[in-house]
Amino acid sequence: MKKLSILIIVLASSLSAGAQSGYLGSLNNVSVSFKAVPSIRTKYSVNNSVDEAKKSLRYAYMNYELAYSRVFSKKIELGFGYGFSSMKAYTHGLRYDAVETITLSNGQTQEIGTQLNFLDDPRISLHQFTFDFRYFRLGSLSPTGKYLGFGIEMGTAGISDTKDITVGKRDEASSSGFFSSKYDILESQIYNVGSNTRSNYVQVNANIGRNYPITQDLILGIGMTFPLITTFSTSTGLDFGFATSSPGNQFNDDSHLNRLVSYTTKKYKGISLDLTVKYFF
């Protein structure tokens, strides 16, 4: 009888401990995160109705993530998620080398090279999958309070094959300011993006932050993510044109713009400020 009583006490204690872990007894949650990588860089757009190009400041690269995580102990939380971003490519300081074939009066043909600017930055879509580990520290119990974490992120970015890019020549600025400038378009051409405009990456992240209880079901998280190691791979076309270290960085008609995608992704995958809303069930 005494042994049975001890067994009942042990089982009751175990069940009680399990019920008290997590957030008010809930171990599972889904979350929505808004991640911003600060950026004081330029972006270009075109107003075709008035033949005008515009250069303006890009304040941040934004990413949106939907995730699921589970509390495994008083200090550990594990999760995985899917993230998406639609961003303008970074083309400042780049050029596009076009070749035009003309027919001379004697019937012979001649190729003439022209250096053009990107007038309207192509839009790049980024898809990513993440796996995150978080350790709650300094007396905090998962999933509330202060935490440190690590994550593995795998993603792919690319320009849709159905999209075109607008290149051409800009006149001197018709209006200029700190936040934006406008230019008349002297010449413009449309090029099809083509195929293989894609870049893949794998990244190891560290993150730090704090979770604040809001209601019985909701937690608000504020944190930062730091990229530790990032590796990029591109498909065919890597050796054409563009090289960030060379003067007059360039693309041409043979380039599939893989490097433009990879270059923009590198700009995007910096230190981010994270705001997360968690719902426990």
C-alpha atoms as a PDB file:
ATOM      1  CA  MET A   1       0.000   0.000   0.000  1.00  0.00           C
ATOM      2  CA  LYS A   2       2.872   2.309   0.878  1.00  0.00           C
ATOM      3  CA  LYS A   3       4.604   1.556  -2.462  1.00  0.00           C
ATOM      4  CA  LEU A   4       1.358   2.227  -4.357  1.00  0.00           C
ATOM      5  CA  SER A   5       0.993   5.585  -2.596  1.00  0.00           C
ATOM      6  CA  ILE A   6       4.554   6.568  -3.530  1.00  0.00           C
ATOM      7  CA  LEU A   7       3.907   5.560  -7.168  1.00  0.00           C
ATOM      8  CA  ILE A   8       0.727   7.675  -7.294  1.00  0.00           C
ATOM      9  CA  ILE A   9       2.588  10.676  -5.843  1.00  0.00           C
ATOM     10  CA  VAL A  10       5.401  10.306  -8.410  1.00  0.00           C
ATOM     11  CA  LEU A  11       2.945  10.047 -11.337  1.00  0.00           C
ATOM     12  CA  ALA A  12       0.941  13.017 -10.095  1.00  0.00           C
ATOM     13  CA  SER A  13       4.114  15.073  -9.754  1.00  0.00           C
ATOM     14  CA  SER A  14       5.202  14.146 -13.292  1.00  0.00           C
ATOM     15  CA  LEU A  15       1.852  15.073 -14.799  1.00  0.00           C
ATOM     16  CA  SER A  16       1.821  18.330 -12.858  1.00  0.00           C
ATOM     17  CA  ALA A  17       5.335  19.213 -14.044  1.00  0.00           C
ATOM     18  CA  GLY A  18       4.382  18.466 -17.652  1.00  0.00           C
ATOM     19  CA  ALA A  19       1.243  20.578 -17.409  1.00  0.00           C
ATOM     20  CA  GLN A  20       3.190  23.537 -16.036  1.00  0.00           C
ATOM     21  CA  SER A  21       5.807  23.539 -18.795  1.00  0.00           C
ATOM     22  CA  GLY A  22       5.327  25.700 -21.848  1.00  0.00           C
ATOM     23  CA  TYR A  23       3.130  28.796 -21.716  1.00  0.00           C
ATOM     24  CA  LEU A  24       0.325  28.278 -19.205  1.00  0.00           C
ATOM     25  CA  GLY A  25       0.532  24.557 -19.987  1.00  0.00           C
ATOM     26  CA  SER A  26       0.578  24.949 -23.788  1.00  0.00           C
ATOM     27  CA  LEU A  27       3.562  23.384 -25.540  1.00  0.00           C
ATOM     28  CA  ASN A  28       2.785  24.184 -29.190  1.00  0.00           C
ATOM     29  CA  ASN A  29       2.530  27.477 -31.001  1.00  0.00           C
ATOM     30  CA  VAL A  30       2.331  29.015 -34.451  1.00  0.00           C
ATOM     31  CA  SER A  31       3.886  32.384 -35.146  1.00  0.00           C
ATOM     32  CA  VAL A  32       4.123  35.175 -37.691  1.00  0.00           C
ATOM     33  CA  SER A  33       7.397  37.117 -37.902  1.00  0.00           C
ATOM     34  CA  PHE A  34       8.278  40.397 -39.568  1.00  0.00           C
ATOM     35  CA  LYS A  35      12.004  40.749 -40.212  1.00  0.00           C
ATOM     36  CA  ALA A  36      13.679  43.933 -41.446  1.00  0.00           C
ATOM     37  CA  VAL A  37      17.285  44.293 -42.601  1.00  0.00           C
ATOM     38  CA  PRO A  38      18.076  48.033 -42.369  1.00  0.00           C
ATOM     39  CA  SER A  39      19.461  49.486 -45.593  1.00  0.00           C
ATOM     40  CA  ILE A  40      20.283  52.999 -46.728  1.00  0.00           C
ATOM     41  CA  ARG A  41      20.772  52.082 -50.357  1.00  0.00           C
ATOM     42  CA  THR A  42      19.221  53.190 -53.618  1.00  0.00           C
ATOM     43  CA  LYS A  43      16.544  51.622 -55.796  1.00  0.00           C
ATOM     44  CA  TYR A  44      15.344  52.576 -59.277  1.00  0.00           C
ATOM     45  CA  SER A  45      11.886  52.649 -60.840  1.00  0.00           C
ATOM     46  CA  VAL A  46      10.308  53.891 -64.077  1.00  0.00           C
ATOM     47  CA  ASN A  47       7.172  55.932 -64.745  1.00  0.00           C
ATOM     48  CA  ASN A  48       6.455  54.980 -68.352  1.00  0.00           C
ATOM     49  CA  SER A  49       3.605  57.445 -68.716  1.00  0.00           C
ATOM     50  CA  VAL A  50       6.000  60.415 -68.490  1.00  0.00           C
ATOM     51  CA  ASP A  51       9.250  58.715 -69.597  1.00  0.00           C
ATOM     52  CA  GLU A  52      10.810  59.377 -66.245  1.00  0.00           C
ATOM     53  CA  ALA A  53      13.151  57.321 -64.051  1.00  0.00           C
ATOM     54  CA  LYS A  54      13.321  57.709 -60.289  1.00  0.00           C
ATOM     55  CA  LYS A  55      16.065  56.919 -57.786  1.00  0.00           C
ATOM     56  CA  SER A  56      14.981  56.672 -54.160  1.00  0.00           C
ATOM     57  CA  LEU A  57      16.258  55.363 -50.845  1.00  0.00           C
ATOM     58  CA  ARG A  58      15.657  51.738 -49.871  1.00  0.00           C
ATOM     59  CA  TYR A  59      15.101  51.786 -46.114  1.00  0.00           C
ATOM     60  CA  ALA A  60      14.938  48.064 -45.427  1.00  0.00           C
ATOM     61  CA  TYR A  61      14.698  44.594 -46.942  1.00  0.00           C
ATOM     62  CA  MET A  62      11.548  42.958 -45.520  1.00  0.00           C
ATOM     63  CA  ASN A  63      10.909  39.263 -44.894  1.00  0.00           C
ATOM     64  CA  TYR A  64       7.747  37.554 -43.612  1.00  0.00           C
ATOM     65  CA  GLU A  65       7.828  34.150 -41.927  1.00  0.00           C
ATOM     66  CA  LEU A  66       5.215  31.633 -40.774  1.00  0.00           C
ATOM     67  CA  ALA A  67       6.522  29.086 -38.255  1.00  0.00           C
ATOM     68  CA  TYR A  68       5.617  26.308 -35.832  1.00  0.00           C
ATOM     69  CA  SER A  69       7.555  25.581 -32.630  1.00  0.00           C
ATOM     70  CA  ARG A  70       7.267  23.382 -29.559  1.00  0.00           C
ATOM     71  CA  VAL A  71       8.529  23.711 -26.011  1.00  0.00           C
ATOM     72  CA  PHE A  72      10.578  20.604 -25.124  1.00  0.00           C
ATOM     73  CA  SER A  73      11.788  21.596 -21.655  1.00  0.00           C
ATOM     74  CA  LYS A  74      11.955  24.538 -19.295  1.00  0.00           C
ATOM     75  CA  LYS A  75      14.908  25.918 -21.264  1.00  0.00           C
ATOM     76  CA  ILE A  76      14.553  24.574 -24.814  1.00  0.00           C
ATOM     77  CA  GLU A  77      12.249  25.454 -27.720  1.00  0.00           C
ATOM     78  CA  LEU A  78      12.577  24.018 -31.243  1.00  0.00           C
ATOM     79  CA  GLY A  79      10.782  25.114 -34.398  1.00  0.00           C
ATOM     80  CA  PHE A  80      10.705  25.282 -38.172  1.00  0.00           C
ATOM     81  CA  GLY A  81       9.222  27.773 -40.596  1.00  0.00           C
ATOM     82  CA  TYR A  82       8.746  29.132 -44.101  1.00  0.00           C
ATOM     83  CA  GLY A  83       9.677  32.670 -45.102  1.00  0.00           C
ATOM     84  CA  PHE A  84       9.013  34.820 -48.158  1.00  0.00           C
ATOM     85  CA  SER A  85      10.231  38.140 -49.483  1.00  0.00           C
ATOM     86  CA  SER A  86       9.551  40.099 -52.660  1.00  0.00           C
ATOM     87  CA  MET A  87      12.302  42.660 -53.145  1.00  0.00           C
ATOM     88  CA  LYS A  88      13.740  44.962 -55.764  1.00  0.00           C
ATOM     89  CA  ALA A  89      17.149  43.885 -57.076  1.00  0.00           C
ATOM     90  CA  TYR A  90      20.146  45.994 -56.073  1.00  0.00           C
ATOM     91  CA  THR A  91      21.530  47.527 -59.282  1.00  0.00           C
ATOM     92  CA  HIS A  92      23.211  50.747 -58.136  1.00  0.00           C
ATOM     93  CA  GLY A  93      26.516  51.181 -59.969  1.00  0.00           C
ATOM     94  CA  LEU A  94      25.832  48.333 -62.396  1.00  0.00           C
ATOM     95  CA  ARG A  95      25.523  48.536 -66.160  1.00  0.00           C
ATOM     96  CA  TYR A  96      24.058  46.450 -68.954  1.00  0.00           C
ATOM     97  CA  ASP A  97      26.148  46.044 -72.130  1.00  0.00           C
ATOM     98  CA  ALA A  98      23.948  45.695 -75.193  1.00  0.00           C
ATOM     99  CA  VAL A  99      25.107  44.887 -78.721  1.00  0.00           C
ATOM    100  CA  GLU A 100      23.160  46.248 -81.702  1.00  0.00           C
ATOM    101  CA  THR A 101      23.706  44.925 -85.231  1.00  0.00           C
ATOM    102  CA  ILE A 102      23.252  47.522 -88.001  1.00  0.00           C
ATOM    103  CA  THR A 103      23.335  47.120 -91.778  1.00  0.00           C
ATOM    104  CA  LEU A 104      25.705  49.445 -93.634  1.00  0.00           C
ATOM    105  CA  SER A 105      25.031  51.003 -97.042  1.00  0.00           C
ATOM    106  CA  ASN A 106      27.300  48.427 -98.709  1.00  0.00           C
ATOM    107  CA  GLY A 107      25.183  45.593 -97.316  1.00  0.00           C
ATOM    108  CA  GLN A 108      27.654  44.536 -94.661  1.00  0.00           C
ATOM    109  CA  THR A 109      26.679  44.365 -90.995  1.00  0.00           C
ATOM    110  CA  GLN A 110      28.406  45.933 -88.048  1.00  0.00           C
ATOM    111  CA  GLU A 111      27.993  45.398 -84.313  1.00  0.00           C
ATOM    112  CA  ILE A 112      27.886  48.453 -82.072  1.00  0.00           C
ATOM    113  CA  GLY A 113      28.196  48.155 -78.298  1.00  0.00           C
ATOM    114  CA  THR A 114      26.142  50.366 -75.981  1.00  0.00           C
ATOM    115  CA  GLN A 115      26.456  50.763 -72.214  1.00  0.00           C
ATOM    116  CA  LEU A 116      23.045  51.075 -70.563  1.00  0.00           C
ATOM    117  CA  ASN A 117      21.811  51.498 -66.992  1.00  0.00           C
ATOM    118  CA  PHE A 118      19.134  49.532 -65.174  1.00  0.00           C
ATOM    119  CA  LEU A 119      16.197  51.954 -65.224  1.00  0.00           C
ATOM    120  CA  ASP A 120      13.754  49.746 -63.321  1.00  0.00           C
ATOM    121  CA  ASP A 121      15.141  47.241 -60.794  1.00  0.00           C
ATOM    122  CA  PRO A 122      13.884  43.693 -61.474  1.00  0.00           C
ATOM    123  CA  ARG A 123      11.810  42.204 -58.655  1.00  0.00           C
ATOM    124  CA  ILE A 124      13.258  39.138 -56.965  1.00  0.00           C
ATOM    125  CA  SER A 125      11.225  36.559 -55.011  1.00  0.00           C
ATOM    126  CA  LEU A 126      12.937  34.742 -52.145  1.00  0.00           C
ATOM    127  CA  HIS A 127      11.652  31.550 -50.491  1.00  0.00           C
ATOM    128  CA  GLN A 128      13.318  30.084 -47.406  1.00  0.00           C
ATOM    129  CA  PHE A 129      12.944  27.247 -44.909  1.00  0.00           C
ATOM    130  CA  THR A 130      14.362  27.500 -41.400  1.00  0.00           C
ATOM    131  CA  PHE A 131      15.040  25.266 -38.405  1.00  0.00           C
ATOM    132  CA  ASP A 132      15.572  27.085 -35.088  1.00  0.00           C
ATOM    133  CA  PHE A 133      16.880  26.135 -31.641  1.00  0.00           C
ATOM    134  CA  ARG A 134      16.364  28.497 -28.702  1.00  0.00           C
ATOM    135  CA  TYR A 135      17.785  28.355 -25.186  1.00  0.00           C
ATOM    136  CA  PHE A 136      16.142  30.491 -22.498  1.00  0.00           C
ATOM    137  CA  ARG A 137      18.636  32.017 -20.096  1.00  0.00           C
ATOM    138  CA  LEU A 138      19.140  34.233 -17.028  1.00  0.00           C
ATOM    139  CA  GLY A 139      16.322  32.600 -15.098  1.00  0.00           C
ATOM    140  CA  SER A 140      13.834  32.681 -17.984  1.00  0.00           C
ATOM    141  CA  LEU A 141      11.616  29.651 -18.601  1.00  0.00           C
ATOM    142  CA  SER A 142      10.677  28.731 -22.165  1.00  0.00           C
ATOM    143  CA  PRO A 143       8.915  30.175 -24.016  1.00  0.00           C
ATOM    144  CA  THR A 144       8.941  33.526 -22.135  1.00  0.00           C
ATOM    145  CA  GLY A 145      11.828  35.781 -21.241  1.00  0.00           C
ATOM    146  CA  LYS A 146      15.342  36.120 -22.649  1.00  0.00           C
ATOM    147  CA  TYR A 147      16.823  33.624 -25.082  1.00  0.00           C
ATOM    148  CA  LEU A 148      19.815  32.800 -27.270  1.00  0.00           C
ATOM    149  CA  GLY A 149      19.433  30.676 -30.384  1.00  0.00           C
ATOM    150  CA  PHE A 150      20.891  29.189 -33.507  1.00  0.00           C
ATOM    151  CA  GLY A 151      19.260  28.310 -36.789  1.00  0.00           C
ATOM    152  CA  ILE A 152      19.861  26.745 -40.175  1.00  0.00           C
ATOM    153  CA  GLU A 153      18.271  28.477 -43.147  1.00  0.00           C
ATOM    154  CA  MET A 154      18.000  27.216 -46.723  1.00  0.00           C
ATOM    155  CA  GLY A 155      16.573  29.363 -49.473  1.00  0.00           C
ATOM    156  CA  THR A 156      16.260  30.091 -53.155  1.00  0.00           C
ATOM    157  CA  ALA A 157      15.862  33.469 -54.869  1.00  0.00           C
ATOM    158  CA  GLY A 158      15.085  34.268 -58.472  1.00  0.00           C
ATOM    159  CA  ILE A 159      13.475  36.468 -61.080  1.00  0.00           C
ATOM    160  CA  SER A 160      10.424  35.035 -62.831  1.00  0.00           C
ATOM    161  CA  ASP A 161      11.097  33.936 -66.410  1.00  0.00           C
ATOM    162  CA  THR A 162       8.030  35.896 -67.498  1.00  0.00           C
ATOM    163  CA  LYS A 163       9.417  39.224 -66.278  1.00  0.00           C
ATOM    164  CA  ASP A 164      11.262  41.802 -68.356  1.00  0.00           C
ATOM    165  CA  ILE A 165      13.875  44.342 -67.360  1.00  0.00           C
ATOM    166  CA  THR A 166      14.043  47.949 -68.525  1.00  0.00           C
ATOM    167  CA  VAL A 167      17.494  49.308 -69.378  1.00  0.00           C
ATOM    168  CA  GLY A 168      18.504  52.531 -71.060  1.00  0.00           C
ATOM    169  CA  LYS A 169      20.128  55.915 -70.570  1.00  0.00           C
ATOM    170  CA  ARG A 170      19.229  58.615 -68.078  1.00  0.00           C
ATOM    171  CA  ASP A 171      19.630  62.352 -68.565  1.00  0.00           C
ATOM    172  CA  GLU A 172      20.949  64.664 -65.868  1.00  0.00           C
ATOM    173  CA  ALA A 173      18.693  64.785 -62.807  1.00  0.00           C
ATOM    174  CA  SER A 174      15.659  67.011 -63.361  1.00  0.00           C
ATOM    175  CA  SER A 175      15.140  67.134 -59.600  1.00  0.00           C
ATOM    176  CA  SER A 176      17.462  65.963 -56.879  1.00  0.00           C
ATOM    177  CA  GLY A 177      17.118  65.461 -53.138  1.00  0.00           C
ATOM    178  CA  PHE A 178      18.407  63.336 -50.274  1.00  0.00           C
ATOM    179  CA  PHE A 179      15.475  60.919 -50.397  1.00  0.00           C
ATOM    180  CA  SER A 180      14.807  60.763 -54.146  1.00  0.00           C
ATOM    181  CA  SER A 181      15.908  62.051 -57.549  1.00  0.00           C
ATOM    182  CA  LYS A 182      14.158  62.097 -60.923  1.00  0.00           C
ATOM    183  CA  TYR A 183      15.669  61.716 -64.385  1.00  0.00           C
ATOM    184  CA  ASP A 184      14.329  62.084 -67.920  1.00  0.00           C
ATOM    185  CA  ILE A 185      14.826  58.923 -69.983  1.00  0.00           C
ATOM    186  CA  LEU A 186      16.924  59.453 -73.108  1.00  0.00           C
ATOM    187  CA  GLU A 187      16.712  55.866 -74.339  1.00  0.00           C
ATOM    188  CA  SER A 188      15.077  52.678 -73.117  1.00  0.00           C
ATOM    189  CA  GLN A 189      14.978  49.038 -74.166  1.00  0.00           C
ATOM    190  CA  ILE A 190      13.133  46.008 -72.855  1.00  0.00           C
ATOM    191  CA  TYR A 191      14.969  42.726 -72.353  1.00  0.00           C
ATOM    192  CA  ASN A 192      13.476  39.409 -71.393  1.00  0.00           C
ATOM    193  CA  VAL A 193      15.030  38.006 -68.237  1.00  0.00           C
ATOM    194  CA  GLY A 194      15.361  34.545 -69.759  1.00  0.00           C
ATOM    195  CA  SER A 195      15.911  31.341 -67.839  1.00  0.00           C
ATOM    196  CA  ASN A 196      18.195  30.211 -65.008  1.00  0.00           C
ATOM    197  CA  THR A 197      17.891  33.472 -63.079  1.00  0.00           C
ATOM    198  CA  ARG A 198      18.137  31.769 -59.722  1.00  0.00           C
ATOM    199  CA  SER A 199      20.512  31.556 -56.768  1.00  0.00           C
ATOM    200  CA  ASN A 200      20.407  29.148 -53.799  1.00  0.00           C
ATOM    201  CA  TYR A 201      21.944  29.630 -50.375  1.00  0.00           C
ATOM    202  CA  VAL A 202      22.473  27.947 -46.998  1.00  0.00           C
ATOM    203  CA  GLN A 203      23.006  30.064 -43.908  1.00  0.00           C
ATOM    204  CA  VAL A 204      23.760  29.488 -40.221  1.00  0.00           C
ATOM    205  CA  ASN A 205      22.232  32.156 -37.968  1.00  0.00           C
ATOM    206  CA  ALA A 206      22.525  33.230 -34.357  1.00  0.00           C
ATOM    207  CA  ASN A 207      19.670  35.080 -32.707  1.00  0.00           C
ATOM    208  CA  ILE A 208      18.970  36.858 -29.465  1.00  0.00           C
ATOM    209  CA  GLY A 209      15.793  38.329 -28.055  1.00  0.00           C
ATOM    210  CA  ARG A 210      13.053  38.342 -25.486  1.00  0.00           C
ATOM    211  CA  ASN A 211       9.445  37.100 -25.433  1.00  0.00           C
ATOM    212  CA  TYR A 212       6.754  39.077 -23.610  1.00  0.00           C
ATOM    213  CA  PRO A 213       3.399  37.551 -22.539  1.00  0.00           C
ATOM    214  CA  ILE A 214       0.460  39.575 -23.888  1.00  0.00           C
ATOM    215  CA  THR A 215      -2.618  37.424 -23.182  1.00  0.00           C
ATOM    216  CA  GLN A 216      -3.258  33.833 -22.135  1.00  0.00           C
ATOM    217  CA  ASP A 217      -2.669  32.709 -25.717  1.00  0.00           C
ATOM    218  CA  LEU A 218      -0.362  35.336 -27.218  1.00  0.00           C
ATOM    219  CA  ILE A 219       3.309  36.213 -26.796  1.00  0.00           C
ATOM    220  CA  LEU A 220       5.161  39.102 -28.451  1.00  0.00           C
ATOM    221  CA  GLY A 221       8.796  38.481 -29.354  1.00  0.00           C
ATOM    222  CA  ILE A 222      11.427  41.133 -30.113  1.00  0.00           C
ATOM    223  CA  GLY A 223      14.878  40.090 -31.256  1.00  0.00           C
ATOM    224  CA  MET A 224      17.742  40.204 -33.732  1.00  0.00           C
ATOM    225  CA  THR A 225      19.180  37.638 -36.148  1.00  0.00           C
ATOM    226  CA  PHE A 226      22.891  37.578 -37.029  1.00  0.00           C
ATOM    227  CA  PRO A 227      24.187  35.632 -40.063  1.00  0.00           C
ATOM    228  CA  LEU A 228      27.280  33.616 -39.122  1.00  0.00           C
ATOM    229  CA  ILE A 229      28.058  31.593 -42.261  1.00  0.00           C
ATOM    230  CA  THR A 230      26.429  31.909 -45.685  1.00  0.00           C
ATOM    231  CA  THR A 231      27.211  29.926 -48.834  1.00  0.00           C
ATOM    232  CA  PHE A 232      25.724  30.685 -52.253  1.00  0.00           C
ATOM    233  CA  SER A 233      25.370  28.599 -55.382  1.00  0.00           C
ATOM    234  CA  THR A 234      24.072  29.641 -58.788  1.00  0.00           C
ATOM    235  CA  SER A 235      23.037  27.745 -61.867  1.00  0.00           C
ATOM    236  CA  THR A 236      24.603  28.110 -65.321  1.00  0.00           C
ATOM    237  CA  GLY A 237      25.670  31.558 -66.427  1.00  0.00           C
ATOM    238  CA  LEU A 238      27.873  32.263 -63.411  1.00  0.00           C
ATOM    239  CA  ASP A 239      30.922  33.201 -65.502  1.00  0.00           C
ATOM    240  CA  PHE A 240      29.169  35.776 -67.682  1.00  0.00           C
ATOM    241  CA  GLY A 241      29.525  39.508 -67.206  1.00  0.00           C
ATOM    242  CA  PHE A 242      28.922  40.582 -63.665  1.00  0.00           C
ATOM    243  CA  ALA A 243      31.678  40.706 -61.041  1.00  0.00           C
ATOM    244  CA  THR A 244      31.241  42.940 -57.990  1.00  0.00           C
ATOM    245  CA  SER A 245      34.976  43.568 -57.558  1.00  0.00           C
ATOM    246  CA  SER A 246      35.648  44.788 -61.095  1.00  0.00           C
ATOM    247  CA  PRO A 247      35.154  48.395 -62.221  1.00  0.00           C
ATOM    248  CA  GLY A 248      32.028  49.076 -64.238  1.00  0.00           C
ATOM    249  CA  ASN A 249      30.196  45.959 -63.052  1.00  0.00           C
ATOM    250  CA  GLN A 250      28.351  44.697 -66.087  1.00  0.00           C
ATOM    251  CA  PHE A 251      25.825  42.304 -67.571  1.00  0.00           C
ATOM    252  CA  ASN A 252      25.282  41.473 -71.207  1.00  0.00           C
ATOM    253  CA  ASP A 253      22.839  39.591 -73.401  1.00  0.00           C
ATOM    254  CA  ASP A 254      24.551  36.288 -72.558  1.00  0.00           C
ATOM    255  CA  SER A 255      24.182  36.800 -68.829  1.00  0.00           C
ATOM    256  CA  HIS A 256      21.296  35.033 -67.123  1.00  0.00           C
ATOM    257  CA  LEU A 257      21.533  37.579 -64.272  1.00  0.00           C
ATOM    258  CA  ASN A 258      22.302  34.854 -61.731  1.00  0.00           C
ATOM    259  CA  ARG A 259      24.896  37.028 -60.127  1.00  0.00           C
ATOM    260  CA  LEU A 260      22.479  39.928 -59.833  1.00  0.00           C
ATOM    261  CA  VAL A 261      20.149  37.626 -57.875  1.00  0.00           C
ATOM    262  CA  SER A 262      22.999  36.347 -55.704  1.00  0.00           C
ATOM    263  CA  TYR A 263      24.370  39.861 -55.154  1.00  0.00           C
ATOM    264  CA  THR A 264      20.970  41.178 -54.052  1.00  0.00           C
ATOM    265  CA  THR A 265      20.434  38.185 -51.753  1.00  0.00           C
ATOM    266  CA  LYS A 266      23.771  38.895 -50.062  1.00  0.00           C
ATOM    267  CA  LYS A 267      22.637  42.469 -49.435  1.00  0.00           C
ATOM    268  CA  TYR A 268      19.375  41.135 -48.026  1.00  0.00           C
ATOM    269  CA  LYS A 269      20.826  38.466 -45.714  1.00  0.00           C
ATOM    270  CA  GLY A 270      22.284  40.852 -43.158  1.00  0.00           C
ATOM    271  CA  ILE A 271      21.526  41.552 -39.514  1.00  0.00           C
ATOM    272  CA  SER A 272      17.753  41.743 -39.121  1.00  0.00           C
ATOM    273  CA  LEU A 273      15.401  43.226 -36.549  1.00  0.00           C
ATOM    274  CA  ASP A 274      12.654  40.709 -35.727  1.00  0.00           C
ATOM    275  CA  LEU A 275       9.111  41.180 -34.454  1.00  0.00           C
ATOM    276  CA  THR A 276       7.165  37.951 -33.778  1.00  0.00           C
ATOM    277  CA  VAL A 277       3.624  37.199 -32.618  1.00  0.00           C
ATOM    278  CA  LYS A 278       3.149  33.669 -31.169  1.00  0.00           C
ATOM    279  CA  TYR A 279      -0.204  31.956 -30.657  1.00  0.00           C
ATOM    280  CA  PHE A 280      -0.245  28.982 -28.234  1.00  0.00           C
ATOM    281  CA  PHE A 281      -2.697  26.104 -28.491  1.00  0.00           C
END
